Amino acid sequence: MSTRESLREAPTGEEPGRLLKIAIADYPAIMRAGIASLLSAQPDMEILAAGATADECLESLRALRRRTGVLLLVGLGIPGERGSLWLIRAVRDQFPSVPILACGANSDDLTVSQALFTGADGFVSKDVEPAVFVDSVRRAAGGEVVLAGVPDSWVGRIADNVERTVSTEPVLTQREVEVLAVAAEGLTARQIGHRLGVRERTVTTHLGRIYRKLGASGRIAALATASEFGVLALARHR
């Protein structure tokens, strides 16, 4: 990231969690600057980082000492092999507790479905009014599944697209597969974290997402579903 767009921590003495901290990955620069200007003008929001590439975004997130209260806004126009969808999957894999809100202009229902399937927690169109865009960011940060600025007729199609993909291939990231594979050995979350070199809290976050994605009530049900889809067999051959 450029010097002006580099990561900055909250000022010393600021009350933890008071501001909604936002990282932006979007292309082109004029679009990124406009969104950053809109959000930074809000009294409850702070822009931590803004960049055009997946690598810039990942580097900034890794540099954070604390990620509590951080939301990632990903524009769906980032080009290249390591584009928007790659970034969403990578962040979901490496930082499972960070909410991801995808945004795009002139996006179709398939594009929105792909973003959600890949790991985004919601979508907001760049064509909505500024107040709606800001409200969508707040709602996504609060844990809501946001679909703002999409026609009502799309909602059913988006749900069908995601469900159809899930029915043929569970939406698990590489890290989630690794966590589930180790969990199959009967280890505790702390032991899994030690094995994989991550915190116990990160493991429990991964497990929670795995259960939701597989529609499972707990570890045993998740393992049964994963075995049915051949996920664990795939993990053993990696």
C-alpha atoms as a PDB file:
ATOM      1  CA  MET A   1       0.000   0.000   0.000  1.00  0.00           C
ATOM      2  CA  SER A   2       1.091   3.553  -0.532  1.00  0.00           C
ATOM      3  CA  THR A   3       2.197   5.643   2.437  1.00  0.00           C
ATOM      4  CA  ARG A   4      -1.096   7.528   2.555  1.00  0.00           C
ATOM      5  CA  GLU A   5      -3.093   4.313   2.469  1.00  0.00           C
ATOM      6  CA  SER A   6      -0.929   2.339   4.883  1.00  0.00           C
ATOM      7  CA  LEU A   7      -2.259   0.715   8.025  1.00  0.00           C
ATOM      8  CA  ARG A   8      -2.605   2.874  11.108  1.00  0.00           C
ATOM      9  CA  GLU A   9      -3.540   1.781  14.623  1.00  0.00           C
ATOM     10  CA  ALA A  10      -6.164   3.648  16.655  1.00  0.00           C
ATOM     11  CA  PRO A  11      -4.731   6.563  18.649  1.00  0.00           C
ATOM     12  CA  THR A  12      -3.354   5.792  22.101  1.00  0.00           C
ATOM     13  CA  GLY A  13      -5.986   6.153  24.786  1.00  0.00           C
ATOM     14  CA  GLU A  14      -8.921   5.465  22.470  1.00  0.00           C
ATOM     15  CA  GLU A  15     -11.562   3.242  24.012  1.00  0.00           C
ATOM     16  CA  PRO A  16     -11.170  -0.284  22.540  1.00  0.00           C
ATOM     17  CA  GLY A  17     -14.004  -1.275  20.257  1.00  0.00           C
ATOM     18  CA  ARG A  18     -15.522   2.218  20.196  1.00  0.00           C
ATOM     19  CA  LEU A  19     -14.918   2.716  16.487  1.00  0.00           C
ATOM     20  CA  LEU A  20     -15.818   0.355  13.696  1.00  0.00           C
ATOM     21  CA  LYS A  21     -12.476  -0.247  12.030  1.00  0.00           C
ATOM     22  CA  ILE A  22     -12.596  -0.859   8.286  1.00  0.00           C
ATOM     23  CA  ALA A  23     -10.127  -2.226   5.751  1.00  0.00           C
ATOM     24  CA  ILE A  24     -10.962  -1.639   2.087  1.00  0.00           C
ATOM     25  CA  ALA A  25      -9.778  -3.609  -0.921  1.00  0.00           C
ATOM     26  CA  ASP A  26     -11.151  -2.184  -4.146  1.00  0.00           C
ATOM     27  CA  TYR A  27     -10.258  -1.227  -7.684  1.00  0.00           C
ATOM     28  CA  PRO A  28      -9.960   1.296  -9.332  1.00  0.00           C
ATOM     29  CA  ALA A  29      -8.392   3.922  -7.071  1.00  0.00           C
ATOM     30  CA  ILE A  30     -11.128   6.532  -7.610  1.00  0.00           C
ATOM     31  CA  MET A  31     -13.773   4.079  -6.393  1.00  0.00           C
ATOM     32  CA  ARG A  32     -11.665   3.095  -3.385  1.00  0.00           C
ATOM     33  CA  ALA A  33     -11.038   6.726  -2.485  1.00  0.00           C
ATOM     34  CA  GLY A  34     -14.731   7.579  -2.732  1.00  0.00           C
ATOM     35  CA  ILE A  35     -15.792   4.762  -0.408  1.00  0.00           C
ATOM     36  CA  ALA A  36     -13.000   5.590   2.039  1.00  0.00           C
ATOM     37  CA  SER A  37     -14.060   9.248   2.086  1.00  0.00           C
ATOM     38  CA  LEU A  38     -17.704   8.337   2.699  1.00  0.00           C
ATOM     39  CA  LEU A  39     -16.984   5.948   5.549  1.00  0.00           C
ATOM     40  CA  SER A  40     -14.235   7.971   7.236  1.00  0.00           C
ATOM     41  CA  ALA A  41     -16.697  10.874   7.488  1.00  0.00           C
ATOM     42  CA  GLN A  42     -18.856   8.786   9.832  1.00  0.00           C
ATOM     43  CA  PRO A  43     -18.236   9.497  13.531  1.00  0.00           C
ATOM     44  CA  ASP A  44     -18.230   5.802  14.431  1.00  0.00           C
ATOM     45  CA  MET A  45     -15.940   4.564  11.658  1.00  0.00           C
ATOM     46  CA  GLU A  46     -12.200   4.547  11.070  1.00  0.00           C
ATOM     47  CA  ILE A  47     -10.369   3.452   7.915  1.00  0.00           C
ATOM     48  CA  LEU A  48      -7.383   1.327   8.887  1.00  0.00           C
ATOM     49  CA  ALA A  49      -6.191   0.457   5.410  1.00  0.00           C
ATOM     50  CA  ALA A  50      -7.158   0.819   1.758  1.00  0.00           C
ATOM     51  CA  GLY A  51      -5.512  -0.907  -1.175  1.00  0.00           C
ATOM     52  CA  ALA A  52      -6.072  -2.285  -4.650  1.00  0.00           C
ATOM     53  CA  THR A  53      -4.739  -5.822  -4.372  1.00  0.00           C
ATOM     54  CA  ALA A  54      -5.298  -8.968  -2.343  1.00  0.00           C
ATOM     55  CA  ASP A  55      -1.695  -9.015  -1.182  1.00  0.00           C
ATOM     56  CA  GLU A  56      -1.927  -5.461   0.180  1.00  0.00           C
ATOM     57  CA  CYS A  57      -5.071  -6.352   2.077  1.00  0.00           C
ATOM     58  CA  LEU A  58      -3.659  -9.545   3.586  1.00  0.00           C
ATOM     59  CA  GLU A  59      -0.457  -7.767   4.601  1.00  0.00           C
ATOM     60  CA  SER A  60      -2.458  -5.079   6.400  1.00  0.00           C
ATOM     61  CA  LEU A  61      -4.640  -7.584   8.248  1.00  0.00           C
ATOM     62  CA  ARG A  62      -1.584  -9.553   9.364  1.00  0.00           C
ATOM     63  CA  ALA A  63      -0.031  -6.355  10.718  1.00  0.00           C
ATOM     64  CA  LEU A  64      -2.941  -5.691  13.063  1.00  0.00           C
ATOM     65  CA  ARG A  65      -2.302  -6.473  16.705  1.00  0.00           C
ATOM     66  CA  ARG A  66      -6.035  -6.844  17.302  1.00  0.00           C
ATOM     67  CA  ARG A  67      -8.736  -7.657  14.750  1.00  0.00           C
ATOM     68  CA  THR A  68     -11.744  -7.307  17.028  1.00  0.00           C
ATOM     69  CA  GLY A  69     -14.151  -4.799  15.529  1.00  0.00           C
ATOM     70  CA  VAL A  70     -12.520  -4.895  12.077  1.00  0.00           C
ATOM     71  CA  LEU A  71     -14.638  -5.309   8.935  1.00  0.00           C
ATOM     72  CA  LEU A  72     -13.250  -5.950   5.466  1.00  0.00           C
ATOM     73  CA  LEU A  73     -14.986  -4.341   2.502  1.00  0.00           C
ATOM     74  CA  VAL A  74     -14.091  -6.095  -0.760  1.00  0.00           C
ATOM     75  CA  GLY A  75     -14.932  -4.659  -4.157  1.00  0.00           C
ATOM     76  CA  LEU A  76     -15.763  -7.338  -6.699  1.00  0.00           C
ATOM     77  CA  GLY A  77     -13.802  -5.616  -9.454  1.00  0.00           C
ATOM     78  CA  ILE A  78     -10.256  -6.535  -8.369  1.00  0.00           C
ATOM     79  CA  PRO A  79      -8.692  -8.127 -11.471  1.00  0.00           C
ATOM     80  CA  GLY A  80      -6.268 -11.015 -11.905  1.00  0.00           C
ATOM     81  CA  GLU A  81      -5.888 -14.542 -10.594  1.00  0.00           C
ATOM     82  CA  ARG A  82      -5.581 -13.177  -7.064  1.00  0.00           C
ATOM     83  CA  GLY A  83      -8.683 -11.075  -7.503  1.00  0.00           C
ATOM     84  CA  SER A  84     -11.746 -10.400  -5.402  1.00  0.00           C
ATOM     85  CA  LEU A  85     -12.972 -13.972  -4.929  1.00  0.00           C
ATOM     86  CA  TRP A  86      -9.459 -15.233  -4.190  1.00  0.00           C
ATOM     87  CA  LEU A  87      -9.113 -12.521  -1.540  1.00  0.00           C
ATOM     88  CA  ILE A  88     -12.435 -13.366   0.102  1.00  0.00           C
ATOM     89  CA  ARG A  89     -11.477 -17.016   0.353  1.00  0.00           C
ATOM     90  CA  ALA A  90      -7.983 -16.188   1.657  1.00  0.00           C
ATOM     91  CA  VAL A  91      -9.292 -13.843   4.366  1.00  0.00           C
ATOM     92  CA  ARG A  92     -11.976 -16.293   5.393  1.00  0.00           C
ATOM     93  CA  ASP A  93      -9.271 -18.958   5.632  1.00  0.00           C
ATOM     94  CA  GLN A  94      -6.699 -16.913   7.556  1.00  0.00           C
ATOM     95  CA  PHE A  95      -8.907 -14.549   9.575  1.00  0.00           C
ATOM     96  CA  PRO A  96     -12.202 -16.368  10.191  1.00  0.00           C
ATOM     97  CA  SER A  97     -13.498 -13.840  12.719  1.00  0.00           C
ATOM     98  CA  VAL A  98     -13.259 -10.848  10.341  1.00  0.00           C
ATOM     99  CA  PRO A  99     -16.649 -10.011   8.745  1.00  0.00           C
ATOM    100  CA  ILE A 100     -16.446  -9.596   4.968  1.00  0.00           C
ATOM    101  CA  LEU A 101     -18.864  -7.383   3.054  1.00  0.00           C
ATOM    102  CA  ALA A 102     -18.614  -7.612  -0.722  1.00  0.00           C
ATOM    103  CA  CYS A 103     -19.634  -4.656  -2.868  1.00  0.00           C
ATOM    104  CA  GLY A 104     -19.952  -4.107  -6.585  1.00  0.00           C
ATOM    105  CA  ALA A 105     -21.453  -2.008  -9.352  1.00  0.00           C
ATOM    106  CA  ASN A 106     -23.664  -3.580 -12.029  1.00  0.00           C
ATOM    107  CA  SER A 107     -23.190  -6.992 -10.421  1.00  0.00           C
ATOM    108  CA  ASP A 108     -25.515  -9.809 -11.419  1.00  0.00           C
ATOM    109  CA  ASP A 109     -27.061 -12.447  -9.187  1.00  0.00           C
ATOM    110  CA  LEU A 110     -24.425 -15.032 -10.148  1.00  0.00           C
ATOM    111  CA  THR A 111     -21.579 -12.731  -9.116  1.00  0.00           C
ATOM    112  CA  VAL A 112     -23.249 -12.063  -5.765  1.00  0.00           C
ATOM    113  CA  SER A 113     -23.831 -15.794  -5.277  1.00  0.00           C
ATOM    114  CA  GLN A 114     -20.165 -16.534  -5.981  1.00  0.00           C
ATOM    115  CA  ALA A 115     -19.051 -13.943  -3.431  1.00  0.00           C
ATOM    116  CA  LEU A 116     -21.312 -15.424  -0.752  1.00  0.00           C
ATOM    117  CA  PHE A 117     -20.327 -18.979  -1.623  1.00  0.00           C
ATOM    118  CA  THR A 118     -16.649 -18.068  -1.423  1.00  0.00           C
ATOM    119  CA  GLY A 119     -17.039 -16.670   2.079  1.00  0.00           C
ATOM    120  CA  ALA A 120     -18.479 -13.147   2.060  1.00  0.00           C
ATOM    121  CA  ASP A 121     -20.995 -12.430   4.823  1.00  0.00           C
ATOM    122  CA  GLY A 122     -23.078 -10.128   2.668  1.00  0.00           C
ATOM    123  CA  PHE A 123     -23.258  -7.855  -0.369  1.00  0.00           C
ATOM    124  CA  VAL A 124     -24.075  -4.195  -0.948  1.00  0.00           C
ATOM    125  CA  SER A 125     -24.439  -2.620  -4.373  1.00  0.00           C
ATOM    126  CA  LYS A 126     -22.382   0.473  -5.098  1.00  0.00           C
ATOM    127  CA  ASP A 127     -25.493   1.864  -6.799  1.00  0.00           C
ATOM    128  CA  VAL A 128     -27.367   2.403  -3.511  1.00  0.00           C
ATOM    129  CA  GLU A 129     -27.689   5.775  -1.793  1.00  0.00           C
ATOM    130  CA  PRO A 130     -24.717   6.690   0.443  1.00  0.00           C
ATOM    131  CA  ALA A 131     -26.841   6.383   3.608  1.00  0.00           C
ATOM    132  CA  VAL A 132     -27.874   2.857   2.637  1.00  0.00           C
ATOM    133  CA  PHE A 133     -24.263   1.912   1.916  1.00  0.00           C
ATOM    134  CA  VAL A 134     -23.135   3.187   5.330  1.00  0.00           C
ATOM    135  CA  ASP A 135     -26.016   1.413   7.069  1.00  0.00           C
ATOM    136  CA  SER A 136     -25.115  -1.831   5.287  1.00  0.00           C
ATOM    137  CA  VAL A 137     -21.550  -1.605   6.590  1.00  0.00           C
ATOM    138  CA  ARG A 138     -22.798  -1.104  10.139  1.00  0.00           C
ATOM    139  CA  ARG A 139     -25.238  -4.003   9.869  1.00  0.00           C
ATOM    140  CA  ALA A 140     -22.618  -6.344   8.428  1.00  0.00           C
ATOM    141  CA  ALA A 141     -20.215  -5.423  11.216  1.00  0.00           C
ATOM    142  CA  GLY A 142     -22.992  -6.282  13.673  1.00  0.00           C
ATOM    143  CA  GLY A 143     -23.266  -9.807  12.309  1.00  0.00           C
ATOM    144  CA  GLU A 144     -26.223  -9.409   9.947  1.00  0.00           C
ATOM    145  CA  VAL A 145     -26.341 -11.083   6.547  1.00  0.00           C
ATOM    146  CA  VAL A 146     -26.733  -8.079   4.286  1.00  0.00           C
ATOM    147  CA  LEU A 147     -28.136  -8.040   0.754  1.00  0.00           C
ATOM    148  CA  ALA A 148     -28.572  -4.359  -0.081  1.00  0.00           C
ATOM    149  CA  GLY A 149     -29.378  -2.881  -3.452  1.00  0.00           C
ATOM    150  CA  VAL A 150     -30.313  -6.149  -5.142  1.00  0.00           C
ATOM    151  CA  PRO A 151     -33.735  -6.686  -6.728  1.00  0.00           C
ATOM    152  CA  ASP A 152     -36.211  -8.725  -4.683  1.00  0.00           C
ATOM    153  CA  SER A 153     -36.367 -11.233  -7.529  1.00  0.00           C
ATOM    154  CA  TRP A 154     -32.653 -11.984  -7.036  1.00  0.00           C
ATOM    155  CA  VAL A 155     -32.891 -13.064  -3.411  1.00  0.00           C
ATOM    156  CA  GLY A 156     -34.448 -16.433  -4.196  1.00  0.00           C
ATOM    157  CA  ARG A 157     -32.040 -17.049  -7.079  1.00  0.00           C
ATOM    158  CA  ILE A 158     -29.027 -16.173  -4.946  1.00  0.00           C
ATOM    159  CA  ALA A 159     -30.176 -18.551  -2.212  1.00  0.00           C
ATOM    160  CA  ASP A 160     -30.785 -21.294  -4.786  1.00  0.00           C
ATOM    161  CA  ASN A 161     -27.356 -20.766  -6.375  1.00  0.00           C
ATOM    162  CA  VAL A 162     -25.562 -20.988  -3.034  1.00  0.00           C
ATOM    163  CA  GLU A 163     -27.621 -23.974  -1.892  1.00  0.00           C
ATOM    164  CA  ARG A 164     -27.035 -25.767  -5.190  1.00  0.00           C
ATOM    165  CA  THR A 165     -23.280 -25.275  -4.904  1.00  0.00           C
ATOM    166  CA  VAL A 166     -23.251 -26.353  -1.273  1.00  0.00           C
ATOM    167  CA  SER A 167     -25.181 -29.511  -2.139  1.00  0.00           C
ATOM    168  CA  THR A 168     -22.434 -30.578  -4.541  1.00  0.00           C
ATOM    169  CA  GLU A 169     -19.396 -29.265  -2.659  1.00  0.00           C
ATOM    170  CA  PRO A 170     -19.368 -28.111   0.991  1.00  0.00           C
ATOM    171  CA  VAL A 171     -18.142 -24.534   1.287  1.00  0.00           C
ATOM    172  CA  LEU A 172     -15.095 -25.222   3.432  1.00  0.00           C
ATOM    173  CA  THR A 173     -11.859 -23.302   3.113  1.00  0.00           C
ATOM    174  CA  GLN A 174      -8.542 -25.128   3.133  1.00  0.00           C
ATOM    175  CA  ARG A 175      -7.943 -24.140   6.757  1.00  0.00           C
ATOM    176  CA  GLU A 176     -11.420 -25.302   7.775  1.00  0.00           C
ATOM    177  CA  VAL A 177     -10.748 -28.672   6.154  1.00  0.00           C
ATOM    178  CA  GLU A 178      -7.471 -28.910   8.089  1.00  0.00           C
ATOM    179  CA  VAL A 179      -9.220 -28.037  11.367  1.00  0.00           C
ATOM    180  CA  LEU A 180     -11.956 -30.607  10.756  1.00  0.00           C
ATOM    181  CA  ALA A 181      -9.427 -33.281   9.811  1.00  0.00           C
ATOM    182  CA  VAL A 182      -7.521 -32.774  13.062  1.00  0.00           C
ATOM    183  CA  ALA A 183     -10.798 -32.595  15.002  1.00  0.00           C
ATOM    184  CA  ALA A 184     -11.581 -36.061  13.659  1.00  0.00           C
ATOM    185  CA  GLU A 185      -8.749 -37.344  15.853  1.00  0.00           C
ATOM    186  CA  GLY A 186     -10.757 -36.369  18.932  1.00  0.00           C
ATOM    187  CA  LEU A 187      -8.493 -33.496  19.987  1.00  0.00           C
ATOM    188  CA  THR A 188      -9.726 -30.499  21.962  1.00  0.00           C
ATOM    189  CA  ALA A 189      -9.800 -27.021  20.446  1.00  0.00           C
ATOM    190  CA  ARG A 190      -6.644 -26.151  22.378  1.00  0.00           C
ATOM    191  CA  GLN A 191      -4.867 -29.266  21.091  1.00  0.00           C
ATOM    192  CA  ILE A 192      -6.004 -28.556  17.546  1.00  0.00           C
ATOM    193  CA  GLY A 193      -4.646 -25.023  17.837  1.00  0.00           C
ATOM    194  CA  HIS A 194      -1.307 -26.323  19.102  1.00  0.00           C
ATOM    195  CA  ARG A 195      -1.109 -28.786  16.199  1.00  0.00           C
ATOM    196  CA  LEU A 196      -1.913 -26.163  13.566  1.00  0.00           C
ATOM    197  CA  GLY A 197      -0.059 -23.271  15.195  1.00  0.00           C
ATOM    198  CA  VAL A 198      -3.114 -21.091  15.800  1.00  0.00           C
ATOM    199  CA  ARG A 199      -4.953 -19.849  18.888  1.00  0.00           C
ATOM    200  CA  GLU A 200      -7.649 -21.886  20.581  1.00  0.00           C
ATOM    201  CA  ARG A 201     -10.110 -19.060  19.963  1.00  0.00           C
ATOM    202  CA  THR A 202      -9.355 -19.197  16.239  1.00  0.00           C
ATOM    203  CA  VAL A 203     -10.060 -22.926  16.229  1.00  0.00           C
ATOM    204  CA  THR A 204     -13.433 -22.473  17.926  1.00  0.00           C
ATOM    205  CA  THR A 205     -14.305 -19.771  15.379  1.00  0.00           C
ATOM    206  CA  HIS A 206     -13.410 -22.140  12.533  1.00  0.00           C
ATOM    207  CA  LEU A 207     -15.460 -24.942  14.090  1.00  0.00           C
ATOM    208  CA  GLY A 208     -18.461 -22.659  14.471  1.00  0.00           C
ATOM    209  CA  ARG A 209     -18.301 -21.705  10.797  1.00  0.00           C
ATOM    210  CA  ILE A 210     -17.860 -25.340   9.775  1.00  0.00           C
ATOM    211  CA  TYR A 211     -20.965 -26.362  11.718  1.00  0.00           C
ATOM    212  CA  ARG A 212     -23.038 -23.596  10.128  1.00  0.00           C
ATOM    213  CA  LYS A 213     -21.836 -24.374   6.608  1.00  0.00           C
ATOM    214  CA  LEU A 214     -22.516 -28.088   6.944  1.00  0.00           C
ATOM    215  CA  GLY A 215     -25.788 -27.590   8.786  1.00  0.00           C
ATOM    216  CA  ALA A 216     -24.414 -29.630  11.671  1.00  0.00           C
ATOM    217  CA  SER A 217     -25.303 -29.359  15.354  1.00  0.00           C
ATOM    218  CA  GLY A 218     -21.827 -30.296  16.537  1.00  0.00           C
ATOM    219  CA  ARG A 219     -18.551 -32.035  15.813  1.00  0.00           C
ATOM    220  CA  ILE A 220     -19.907 -35.561  15.330  1.00  0.00           C
ATOM    221  CA  ALA A 221     -22.590 -34.411  12.871  1.00  0.00           C
ATOM    222  CA  ALA A 222     -20.060 -32.245  11.010  1.00  0.00           C
ATOM    223  CA  LEU A 223     -17.647 -35.151  10.673  1.00  0.00           C
ATOM    224  CA  ALA A 224     -20.425 -37.380   9.359  1.00  0.00           C
ATOM    225  CA  THR A 225     -21.437 -34.816   6.734  1.00  0.00           C
ATOM    226  CA  ALA A 226     -17.830 -34.141   5.757  1.00  0.00           C
ATOM    227  CA  SER A 227     -17.191 -37.864   5.349  1.00  0.00           C
ATOM    228  CA  GLU A 228     -20.273 -38.165   3.146  1.00  0.00           C
ATOM    229  CA  PHE A 229     -18.887 -35.508   0.803  1.00  0.00           C
ATOM    230  CA  GLY A 230     -15.393 -36.958   0.881  1.00  0.00           C
ATOM    231  CA  VAL A 231     -13.905 -33.849   2.501  1.00  0.00           C
ATOM    232  CA  LEU A 232     -11.795 -35.751   5.029  1.00  0.00           C
ATOM    233  CA  ALA A 233     -10.486 -38.132   2.388  1.00  0.00           C
ATOM    234  CA  LEU A 234      -9.419 -35.114   0.353  1.00  0.00           C
ATOM    235  CA  ALA A 235      -7.632 -33.645   3.363  1.00  0.00           C
ATOM    236  CA  ARG A 236      -5.659 -36.841   3.960  1.00  0.00           C
ATOM    237  CA  HIS A 237      -4.361 -36.791   0.382  1.00  0.00           C
ATOM    238  CA  ARG A 238      -3.166 -33.183   0.481  1.00  0.00           C
END
